[in-house]
Amino acid sequence: MVAKGDSLIRIVEQKDASEDERRIDLCFAGMLAGRAKLIFELLHRVGNSNAQGEFYLTDVISIAAERGLMPPSWEGAESEMLG
């Protein structure tokens, strides 16, 4: 996860990450929340131009940031983020 202060800028898969991004010690726990209308708008812009040719749900974060939206992030204990 690449953040600027308390806001997420993007979530990067290991295969797509730069050396600097691989040194970041934050990990995405797999939870996203938002208004349905906005989430669906962002999902329609998700593409598969990445190392694996897959559609990443997490790309909605960078798409939101490009639109000037600054998704917040929260940190928690690993045991609280499981399952």
PDB file of N, CA and C in Angstrom:
ATOM      1  N   MET A   1       0.840  -1.164   0.000  1.00  0.00           N
ATOM      2  CA  MET A   1       0.000   0.000   0.000  1.00  0.00           C
ATOM      3  C   MET A   1       0.891   1.234   0.000  1.00  0.00           C
ATOM      4  N   VAL A   2       0.611   2.136  -0.895  1.00  0.00           N
ATOM      5  CA  VAL A   2       1.365   3.382  -0.972  1.00  0.00           C
ATOM      6  C   VAL A   2       0.467   4.483  -0.427  1.00  0.00           C
ATOM      7  N   ALA A   3       0.925   5.153   0.605  1.00  0.00           N
ATOM      8  CA  ALA A   3       0.121   6.171   1.268  1.00  0.00           C
ATOM      9  C   ALA A   3       0.821   7.522   1.252  1.00  0.00           C
ATOM     10  N   LYS A   4       0.015   8.553   1.409  1.00  0.00           N
ATOM     11  CA  LYS A   4       0.505   9.923   1.576  1.00  0.00           C
ATOM     12  C   LYS A   4      -0.193  10.433   2.824  1.00  0.00           C
ATOM     13  N   GLY A   5       0.525  10.455   3.925  1.00  0.00           N
ATOM     14  CA  GLY A   5      -0.111  10.771   5.203  1.00  0.00           C
ATOM     15  C   GLY A   5      -1.047   9.641   5.579  1.00  0.00           C
ATOM     16  N   ASP A   6      -2.295   9.963   5.885  1.00  0.00           N
ATOM     17  CA  ASP A   6      -3.293   8.954   6.236  1.00  0.00           C
ATOM     18  C   ASP A   6      -4.124   8.503   5.034  1.00  0.00           C
ATOM     19  N   SER A   7      -3.805   8.993   3.849  1.00  0.00           N
ATOM     20  CA  SER A   7      -4.580   8.667   2.650  1.00  0.00           C
ATOM     21  C   SER A   7      -3.829   7.698   1.750  1.00  0.00           C
ATOM     22  N   LEU A   8      -4.574   6.760   1.188  1.00  0.00           N
ATOM     23  CA  LEU A   8      -3.985   5.819   0.236  1.00  0.00           C
ATOM     24  C   LEU A   8      -3.842   6.471  -1.128  1.00  0.00           C
ATOM     25  N   ILE A   9      -2.763   6.174  -1.794  1.00  0.00           N
ATOM     26  CA  ILE A   9      -2.536   6.641  -3.165  1.00  0.00           C
ATOM     27  C   ILE A   9      -2.775   5.485  -4.129  1.00  0.00           C
ATOM     28  N   ARG A  10      -2.294   4.299  -3.752  1.00  0.00           N
ATOM     29  CA  ARG A  10      -2.515   3.102  -4.567  1.00  0.00           C
ATOM     30  C   ARG A  10      -2.121   1.864  -3.764  1.00  0.00           C
ATOM     31  N   ILE A  11      -2.620   0.752  -4.242  1.00  0.00           N
ATOM     32  CA  ILE A  11      -2.245  -0.553  -3.707  1.00  0.00           C
ATOM     33  C   ILE A  11      -1.570  -1.282  -4.850  1.00  0.00           C
ATOM     34  N   VAL A  12      -0.368  -1.759  -4.615  1.00  0.00           N
ATOM     35  CA  VAL A  12       0.449  -2.329  -5.685  1.00  0.00           C
ATOM     36  C   VAL A  12       0.725  -3.806  -5.404  1.00  0.00           C
ATOM     37  N   GLU A  13       0.494  -4.637  -6.403  1.00  0.00           N
ATOM     38  CA  GLU A  13       0.845  -6.051  -6.306  1.00  0.00           C
ATOM     39  C   GLU A  13       2.362  -6.191  -6.345  1.00  0.00           C
ATOM     40  N   GLN A  14       2.884  -7.189  -5.697  1.00  0.00           N
ATOM     41  CA  GLN A  14       4.334  -7.425  -5.622  1.00  0.00           C
ATOM     42  C   GLN A  14       4.981  -7.418  -7.016  1.00  0.00           C
ATOM     43  N   LYS A  15       4.354  -8.090  -7.981  1.00  0.00           N
ATOM     44  CA  LYS A  15       4.937  -8.189  -9.326  1.00  0.00           C
ATOM     45  C   LYS A  15       4.979  -6.852 -10.057  1.00  0.00           C
ATOM     46  N   ASP A  16       4.129  -5.913  -9.645  1.00  0.00           N
ATOM     47  CA  ASP A  16       4.075  -4.607 -10.292  1.00  0.00           C
ATOM     48  C   ASP A  16       4.819  -3.530  -9.506  1.00  0.00           C
ATOM     49  N   ALA A  17       5.310  -3.858  -8.322  1.00  0.00           N
ATOM     50  CA  ALA A  17       5.915  -2.875  -7.427  1.00  0.00           C
ATOM     51  C   ALA A  17       7.357  -2.556  -7.811  1.00  0.00           C
ATOM     52  N   SER A  18       7.717  -1.307  -7.579  1.00  0.00           N
ATOM     53  CA  SER A  18       9.117  -0.896  -7.761  1.00  0.00           C
ATOM     54  C   SER A  18       9.902  -1.365  -6.535  1.00  0.00           C
ATOM     55  N   GLU A  19      11.224  -1.231  -6.605  1.00  0.00           N
ATOM     56  CA  GLU A  19      12.065  -1.609  -5.462  1.00  0.00           C
ATOM     57  C   GLU A  19      11.677  -0.806  -4.220  1.00  0.00           C
ATOM     58  N   ASP A  20      11.456   0.493  -4.387  1.00  0.00           N
ATOM     59  CA  ASP A  20      11.063   1.328  -3.246  1.00  0.00           C
ATOM     60  C   ASP A  20       9.714   0.888  -2.679  1.00  0.00           C
ATOM     61  N   GLU A  21       8.766   0.560  -3.557  1.00  0.00           N
ATOM     62  CA  GLU A  21       7.443   0.126  -3.093  1.00  0.00           C
ATOM     63  C   GLU A  21       7.524  -1.205  -2.356  1.00  0.00           C
ATOM     64  N   ARG A  22       8.432  -2.070  -2.746  1.00  0.00           N
ATOM     65  CA  ARG A  22       8.578  -3.361  -2.066  1.00  0.00           C
ATOM     66  C   ARG A  22       9.100  -3.205  -0.643  1.00  0.00           C
ATOM     67  N   ARG A  23       9.712  -2.075  -0.347  1.00  0.00           N
ATOM     68  CA  ARG A  23      10.232  -1.830   1.002  1.00  0.00           C
ATOM     69  C   ARG A  23       9.153  -1.309   1.961  1.00  0.00           C
ATOM     70  N   ILE A  24       8.003  -0.927   1.443  1.00  0.00           N
ATOM     71  CA  ILE A  24       6.918  -0.431   2.294  1.00  0.00           C
ATOM     72  C   ILE A  24       6.384  -1.590   3.124  1.00  0.00           C
ATOM     73  N   ASP A  25       6.214  -1.358   4.423  1.00  0.00           N
ATOM     74  CA  ASP A  25       5.804  -2.458   5.302  1.00  0.00           C
ATOM     75  C   ASP A  25       4.310  -2.473   5.617  1.00  0.00           C
ATOM     76  N   LEU A  26       3.497  -1.793   4.823  1.00  0.00           N
ATOM     77  CA  LEU A  26       2.046  -1.861   4.970  1.00  0.00           C
ATOM     78  C   LEU A  26       1.510  -2.959   4.075  1.00  0.00           C
ATOM     79  N   CYS A  27       0.437  -3.597   4.501  1.00  0.00           N
ATOM     80  CA  CYS A  27      -0.169  -4.684   3.733  1.00  0.00           C
ATOM     81  C   CYS A  27      -1.671  -4.482   3.679  1.00  0.00           C
ATOM     82  N   PHE A  28      -2.263  -4.677   2.519  1.00  0.00           N
ATOM     83  CA  PHE A  28      -3.708  -4.543   2.344  1.00  0.00           C
ATOM     84  C   PHE A  28      -4.415  -5.749   2.953  1.00  0.00           C
ATOM     85  N   ALA A  29      -5.368  -5.498   3.847  1.00  0.00           N
ATOM     86  CA  ALA A  29      -6.082  -6.573   4.541  1.00  0.00           C
ATOM     87  C   ALA A  29      -7.274  -7.095   3.744  1.00  0.00           C
ATOM     88  N   GLY A  30      -7.585  -6.472   2.613  1.00  0.00           N
ATOM     89  CA  GLY A  30      -8.656  -6.979   1.759  1.00  0.00           C
ATOM     90  C   GLY A  30     -10.013  -6.367   2.018  1.00  0.00           C
ATOM     91  N   MET A  31     -10.077  -5.269   2.735  1.00  0.00           N
ATOM     92  CA  MET A  31     -11.358  -4.634   3.036  1.00  0.00           C
ATOM     93  C   MET A  31     -11.433  -3.254   2.400  1.00  0.00           C
ATOM     94  N   LEU A  32     -12.514  -3.025   1.669  1.00  0.00           N
ATOM     95  CA  LEU A  32     -12.797  -1.720   1.086  1.00  0.00           C
ATOM     96  C   LEU A  32     -14.220  -1.342   1.465  1.00  0.00           C
ATOM     97  N   ALA A  33     -14.464  -0.063   1.643  1.00  0.00           N
ATOM     98  CA  ALA A  33     -15.810   0.415   1.936  1.00  0.00           C
ATOM     99  C   ALA A  33     -16.019   1.730   1.205  1.00  0.00           C
ATOM    100  N   GLY A  34     -17.228   1.975   0.784  1.00  0.00           N
ATOM    101  CA  GLY A  34     -17.533   3.224   0.102  1.00  0.00           C
ATOM    102  C   GLY A  34     -18.971   3.247  -0.346  1.00  0.00           C
ATOM    103  N   ARG A  35     -19.376   4.365  -0.889  1.00  0.00           N
ATOM    104  CA  ARG A  35     -20.736   4.495  -1.416  1.00  0.00           C
ATOM    105  C   ARG A  35     -20.851   3.684  -2.691  1.00  0.00           C
ATOM    106  N   ALA A  36     -21.902   2.901  -2.783  1.00  0.00           N
ATOM    107  CA  ALA A  36     -22.067   1.958  -3.903  1.00  0.00           C
ATOM    108  C   ALA A  36     -21.947   2.649  -5.254  1.00  0.00           C
ATOM    109  N   LYS A  37     -22.610   3.786  -5.426  1.00  0.00           N
ATOM    110  CA  LYS A  37     -22.583   4.481  -6.721  1.00  0.00           C
ATOM    111  C   LYS A  37     -21.146   4.829  -7.112  1.00  0.00           C
ATOM    112  N   LEU A  38     -20.383   5.360  -6.172  1.00  0.00           N
ATOM    113  CA  LEU A  38     -18.992   5.721  -6.453  1.00  0.00           C
ATOM    114  C   LEU A  38     -18.143   4.487  -6.723  1.00  0.00           C
ATOM    115  N   ILE A  39     -18.307   3.454  -5.926  1.00  0.00           N
ATOM    116  CA  ILE A  39     -17.527   2.228  -6.124  1.00  0.00           C
ATOM    117  C   ILE A  39     -17.770   1.662  -7.529  1.00  0.00           C
ATOM    118  N   PHE A  40     -19.032   1.625  -7.973  1.00  0.00           N
ATOM    119  CA  PHE A  40     -19.323   1.098  -9.306  1.00  0.00           C
ATOM    120  C   PHE A  40     -18.740   1.982 -10.400  1.00  0.00           C
ATOM    121  N   GLU A  41     -18.760   3.310 -10.204  1.00  0.00           N
ATOM    122  CA  GLU A  41     -18.126   4.213 -11.177  1.00  0.00           C
ATOM    123  C   GLU A  41     -16.637   3.905 -11.287  1.00  0.00           C
ATOM    124  N   LEU A  42     -15.984   3.726 -10.154  1.00  0.00           N
ATOM    125  CA  LEU A  42     -14.553   3.438 -10.146  1.00  0.00           C
ATOM    126  C   LEU A  42     -14.266   2.070 -10.756  1.00  0.00           C
ATOM    127  N   LEU A  43     -15.091   1.082 -10.442  1.00  0.00           N
ATOM    128  CA  LEU A  43     -14.889  -0.270 -10.979  1.00  0.00           C
ATOM    129  C   LEU A  43     -14.962  -0.303 -12.498  1.00  0.00           C
ATOM    130  N   HIS A  44     -15.797   0.546 -13.086  1.00  0.00           N
ATOM    131  CA  HIS A  44     -15.904   0.583 -14.552  1.00  0.00           C
ATOM    132  C   HIS A  44     -14.623   1.087 -15.204  1.00  0.00           C
ATOM    133  N   ARG A  45     -13.750   1.725 -14.442  1.00  0.00           N
ATOM    134  CA  ARG A  45     -12.498   2.254 -14.982  1.00  0.00           C
ATOM    135  C   ARG A  45     -11.310   1.325 -14.748  1.00  0.00           C
ATOM    136  N   VAL A  46     -11.525   0.228 -14.038  1.00  0.00           N
ATOM    137  CA  VAL A  46     -10.435  -0.712 -13.752  1.00  0.00           C
ATOM    138  C   VAL A  46     -10.053  -1.452 -15.036  1.00  0.00           C
ATOM    139  N   GLY A  47      -8.772  -1.475 -15.327  1.00  0.00           N
ATOM    140  CA  GLY A  47      -8.271  -2.190 -16.501  1.00  0.00           C
ATOM    141  C   GLY A  47      -7.358  -3.330 -16.074  1.00  0.00           C
ATOM    142  N   ASN A  48      -6.774  -3.992 -17.054  1.00  0.00           N
ATOM    143  CA  ASN A  48      -5.894  -5.121 -16.737  1.00  0.00           C
ATOM    144  C   ASN A  48      -4.480  -4.927 -17.297  1.00  0.00           C
ATOM    145  N   SER A  49      -4.036  -3.681 -17.320  1.00  0.00           N
ATOM    146  CA  SER A  49      -2.696  -3.377 -17.809  1.00  0.00           C
ATOM    147  C   SER A  49      -1.706  -3.475 -16.643  1.00  0.00           C
ATOM    148  N   ASN A  50      -1.317  -4.712 -16.351  1.00  0.00           N
ATOM    149  CA  ASN A  50      -0.382  -4.965 -15.258  1.00  0.00           C
ATOM    150  C   ASN A  50       0.403  -6.230 -15.577  1.00  0.00           C
ATOM    151  N   ALA A  51       1.325  -6.589 -14.709  1.00  0.00           N
ATOM    152  CA  ALA A  51       2.227  -7.723 -14.964  1.00  0.00           C
ATOM    153  C   ALA A  51       1.503  -9.044 -15.162  1.00  0.00           C
ATOM    154  N   GLN A  52       0.333  -9.205 -14.556  1.00  0.00           N
ATOM    155  CA  GLN A  52      -0.383 -10.479 -14.651  1.00  0.00           C
ATOM    156  C   GLN A  52      -1.576 -10.434 -15.610  1.00  0.00           C
ATOM    157  N   GLY A  53      -1.867  -9.257 -16.169  1.00  0.00           N
ATOM    158  CA  GLY A  53      -2.995  -9.133 -17.083  1.00  0.00           C
ATOM    159  C   GLY A  53      -4.329  -9.367 -16.396  1.00  0.00           C
ATOM    160  N   GLU A  54      -4.390  -9.080 -15.106  1.00  0.00           N
ATOM    161  CA  GLU A  54      -5.605  -9.308 -14.323  1.00  0.00           C
ATOM    162  C   GLU A  54      -6.283  -7.994 -13.968  1.00  0.00           C
ATOM    163  N   PHE A  55      -7.559  -8.074 -13.638  1.00  0.00           N
ATOM    164  CA  PHE A  55      -8.307  -6.930 -13.149  1.00  0.00           C
ATOM    165  C   PHE A  55      -8.181  -6.930 -11.621  1.00  0.00           C
ATOM    166  N   TYR A  56      -7.556  -5.889 -11.074  1.00  0.00           N
ATOM    167  CA  TYR A  56      -7.347  -5.798  -9.636  1.00  0.00           C
ATOM    168  C   TYR A  56      -8.409  -4.887  -9.020  1.00  0.00           C
ATOM    169  N   LEU A  57      -9.207  -5.419  -8.117  1.00  0.00           N
ATOM    170  CA  LEU A  57     -10.187  -4.617  -7.399  1.00  0.00           C
ATOM    171  C   LEU A  57      -9.506  -3.432  -6.711  1.00  0.00           C
ATOM    172  N   THR A  58      -8.310  -3.658  -6.225  1.00  0.00           N
ATOM    173  CA  THR A  58      -7.587  -2.621  -5.498  1.00  0.00           C
ATOM    174  C   THR A  58      -7.208  -1.418  -6.363  1.00  0.00           C
ATOM    175  N   ASP A  59      -7.322  -1.532  -7.681  1.00  0.00           N
ATOM    176  CA  ASP A  59      -7.038  -0.385  -8.549  1.00  0.00           C
ATOM    177  C   ASP A  59      -8.023   0.753  -8.324  1.00  0.00           C
ATOM    178  N   VAL A  60      -9.160   0.483  -7.695  1.00  0.00           N
ATOM    179  CA  VAL A  60     -10.114   1.563  -7.424  1.00  0.00           C
ATOM    180  C   VAL A  60      -9.476   2.636  -6.538  1.00  0.00           C
ATOM    181  N   ILE A  61      -8.481   2.265  -5.735  1.00  0.00           N
ATOM    182  CA  ILE A  61      -7.812   3.239  -4.873  1.00  0.00           C
ATOM    183  C   ILE A  61      -7.052   4.267  -5.703  1.00  0.00           C
ATOM    184  N   SER A  62      -6.238   3.812  -6.649  1.00  0.00           N
ATOM    185  CA  SER A  62      -5.476   4.767  -7.473  1.00  0.00           C
ATOM    186  C   SER A  62      -6.401   5.564  -8.387  1.00  0.00           C
ATOM    187  N   ILE A  63      -7.470   4.958  -8.868  1.00  0.00           N
ATOM    188  CA  ILE A  63      -8.431   5.668  -9.713  1.00  0.00           C
ATOM    189  C   ILE A  63      -9.104   6.767  -8.901  1.00  0.00           C
ATOM    190  N   ALA A  64      -9.475   6.460  -7.672  1.00  0.00           N
ATOM    191  CA  ALA A  64     -10.078   7.467  -6.787  1.00  0.00           C
ATOM    192  C   ALA A  64      -9.091   8.602  -6.518  1.00  0.00           C
ATOM    193  N   ALA A  65      -7.840   8.258  -6.242  1.00  0.00           N
ATOM    194  CA  ALA A  65      -6.818   9.275  -5.972  1.00  0.00           C
ATOM    195  C   ALA A  65      -6.608  10.176  -7.189  1.00  0.00           C
ATOM    196  N   GLU A  66      -6.640   9.597  -8.398  1.00  0.00           N
ATOM    197  CA  GLU A  66      -6.502  10.389  -9.623  1.00  0.00           C
ATOM    198  C   GLU A  66      -7.632  11.392  -9.770  1.00  0.00           C
ATOM    199  N   ARG A  67      -8.793  11.078  -9.217  1.00  0.00           N
ATOM    200  CA  ARG A  67      -9.963  11.967  -9.270  1.00  0.00           C
ATOM    201  C   ARG A  67      -9.944  12.988  -8.135  1.00  0.00           C
ATOM    202  N   GLY A  68      -8.888  12.982  -7.340  1.00  0.00           N
ATOM    203  CA  GLY A  68      -8.794  13.931  -6.242  1.00  0.00           C
ATOM    204  C   GLY A  68      -9.417  13.433  -4.951  1.00  0.00           C
ATOM    205  N   LEU A  69      -9.924  12.213  -4.985  1.00  0.00           N
ATOM    206  CA  LEU A  69     -10.466  11.616  -3.761  1.00  0.00           C
ATOM    207  C   LEU A  69      -9.298  11.010  -3.008  1.00  0.00           C
ATOM    208  N   MET A  70      -9.255  11.179  -1.731  1.00  0.00           N
ATOM    209  CA  MET A  70      -8.142  10.671  -0.943  1.00  0.00           C
ATOM    210  C   MET A  70      -8.663   9.619   0.032  1.00  0.00           C
ATOM    211  N   PRO A  71      -8.718   8.359  -0.406  1.00  0.00           N
ATOM    212  CA  PRO A  71      -9.224   7.301   0.458  1.00  0.00           C
ATOM    213  C   PRO A  71      -8.381   7.188   1.733  1.00  0.00           C
ATOM    214  N   PRO A  72      -9.030   7.181   2.902  1.00  0.00           N
ATOM    215  CA  PRO A  72      -8.262   7.030   4.146  1.00  0.00           C
ATOM    216  C   PRO A  72      -7.823   5.590   4.340  1.00  0.00           C
ATOM    217  N   SER A  73      -6.825   5.408   5.173  1.00  0.00           N
ATOM    218  CA  SER A  73      -6.391   4.056   5.522  1.00  0.00           C
ATOM    219  C   SER A  73      -6.334   3.951   7.035  1.00  0.00           C
ATOM    220  N   TRP A  74      -6.469   2.742   7.527  1.00  0.00           N
ATOM    221  CA  TRP A  74      -6.367   2.476   8.952  1.00  0.00           C
ATOM    222  C   TRP A  74      -5.397   1.338   9.148  1.00  0.00           C
ATOM    223  N   GLU A  75      -4.657   1.409  10.216  1.00  0.00           N
ATOM    224  CA  GLU A  75      -3.749   0.325  10.556  1.00  0.00           C
ATOM    225  C   GLU A  75      -4.305  -0.420  11.755  1.00  0.00           C
ATOM    226  N   GLY A  76      -4.091  -1.728  11.750  1.00  0.00           N
ATOM    227  CA  GLY A  76      -4.540  -2.546  12.862  1.00  0.00           C
ATOM    228  C   GLY A  76      -3.620  -3.732  13.044  1.00  0.00           C
ATOM    229  N   ALA A  77      -3.777  -4.380  14.158  1.00  0.00           N
ATOM    230  CA  ALA A  77      -2.988  -5.582  14.436  1.00  0.00           C
ATOM    231  C   ALA A  77      -3.352  -6.673  13.442  1.00  0.00           C
ATOM    232  N   GLU A  78      -2.360  -7.447  13.045  1.00  0.00           N
ATOM    233  CA  GLU A  78      -2.594  -8.534  12.093  1.00  0.00           C
ATOM    234  C   GLU A  78      -3.722  -9.441  12.575  1.00  0.00           C
ATOM    235  N   SER A  79      -3.761  -9.738  13.862  1.00  0.00           N
ATOM    236  CA  SER A  79      -4.787 -10.633  14.413  1.00  0.00           C
ATOM    237  C   SER A  79      -6.190 -10.057  14.245  1.00  0.00           C
ATOM    238  N   GLU A  80      -6.324  -8.745  14.184  1.00  0.00           N
ATOM    239  CA  GLU A  80      -7.627  -8.095  13.994  1.00  0.00           C
ATOM    240  C   GLU A  80      -8.050  -8.064  12.526  1.00  0.00           C
ATOM    241  N   MET A  81      -7.119  -8.236  11.627  1.00  0.00           N
ATOM    242  CA  MET A  81      -7.407  -8.134  10.193  1.00  0.00           C
ATOM    243  C   MET A  81      -7.642  -9.498   9.534  1.00  0.00           C
ATOM    244  N   LEU A  82      -7.439 -10.566  10.247  1.00  0.00           N
ATOM    245  CA  LEU A  82      -7.608 -11.905   9.681  1.00  0.00           C
ATOM    246  C   LEU A  82      -9.073 -12.212   9.406  1.00  0.00           C
ATOM    247  N   GLY A  83      -9.303 -12.961   8.324  1.00  0.00           N
ATOM    248  CA  GLY A  83     -10.610 -13.535   8.009  1.00  0.00           C
ATOM    249  C   GLY A  83     -11.675 -12.579   7.818  1.00  0.00           C
TER     250      GLY A  83
END
